[in-house]
Amino acid sequence: MESELIWRSTGDPGFEHVRIDEGHPEWTVFDSMFVREHEGVVRRGGYTLIVDKAWRVLELRLMVEQAPGSMTALHIMASGDGRWVDANQNPIPALDGCIDIDIRWSPLTNTLPIRRLALGEEEREIRVAYVSLPDLDIRPVTQRYRRVDDATVRYWSESLPEGVLIAVDEDAFVVDYPGAFHREWPLPDAPGPGM
């Protein structure tokens, strides 16, 4: 089964389009393409993200323009239990304990811990592998999530110490992330991606 989502950046101009493929019995594949203005220059890129059925990251392949027409790539893999390796199978000990990934220009990656943690009203603190764009710097960061109700999650990170209320649909895909992203398609009252 395939479905698609489109978000508009509400900060710097930009869009992300994600195609979701749930056809494999053991994992889900997210294919993204994005265009984003950054420091007065339009950057293009995309990624393929593979997660298991428990919403744990298994693999990320990401490409982004660091300068117009000059693409740079990142390829990392995870065991699902907090151990990471690069494309040459070299361990990345700095990311030990990170189950989730957070890609700077993608609201999709907020869905991963929301789905994986299956939050009630409790607050959970996690370490995530944060990918900065367009430089592709990757480092661990601490984030916190708490479900407020069926349609809202409060999210905190190093850059949002006071937190922000993120509106999500019934499948935990971001509908509105104030100051950052707004979903353009499907509209919140339209049928969701079916997950």
Foldseek 3Di string as FASTA:
>chain_A
DKFKWKKFWPAFGKMKIWIWDPPDQFKIKIWMWMWTQDPNDIKIWIKIWIATPLLFTAKIWIWMDPDVPDIDIFIKGDPQQFWIAGPVRHTDVQRRQARFEAEPQDQQRVQSCCSNVVADQDKDKGWHFYQYPDVRDTGIWIKMWGAPDQFWIWIATPVRNVTFIFGAANSRRTQDTPNTIHIDPPHRVDDDRPD
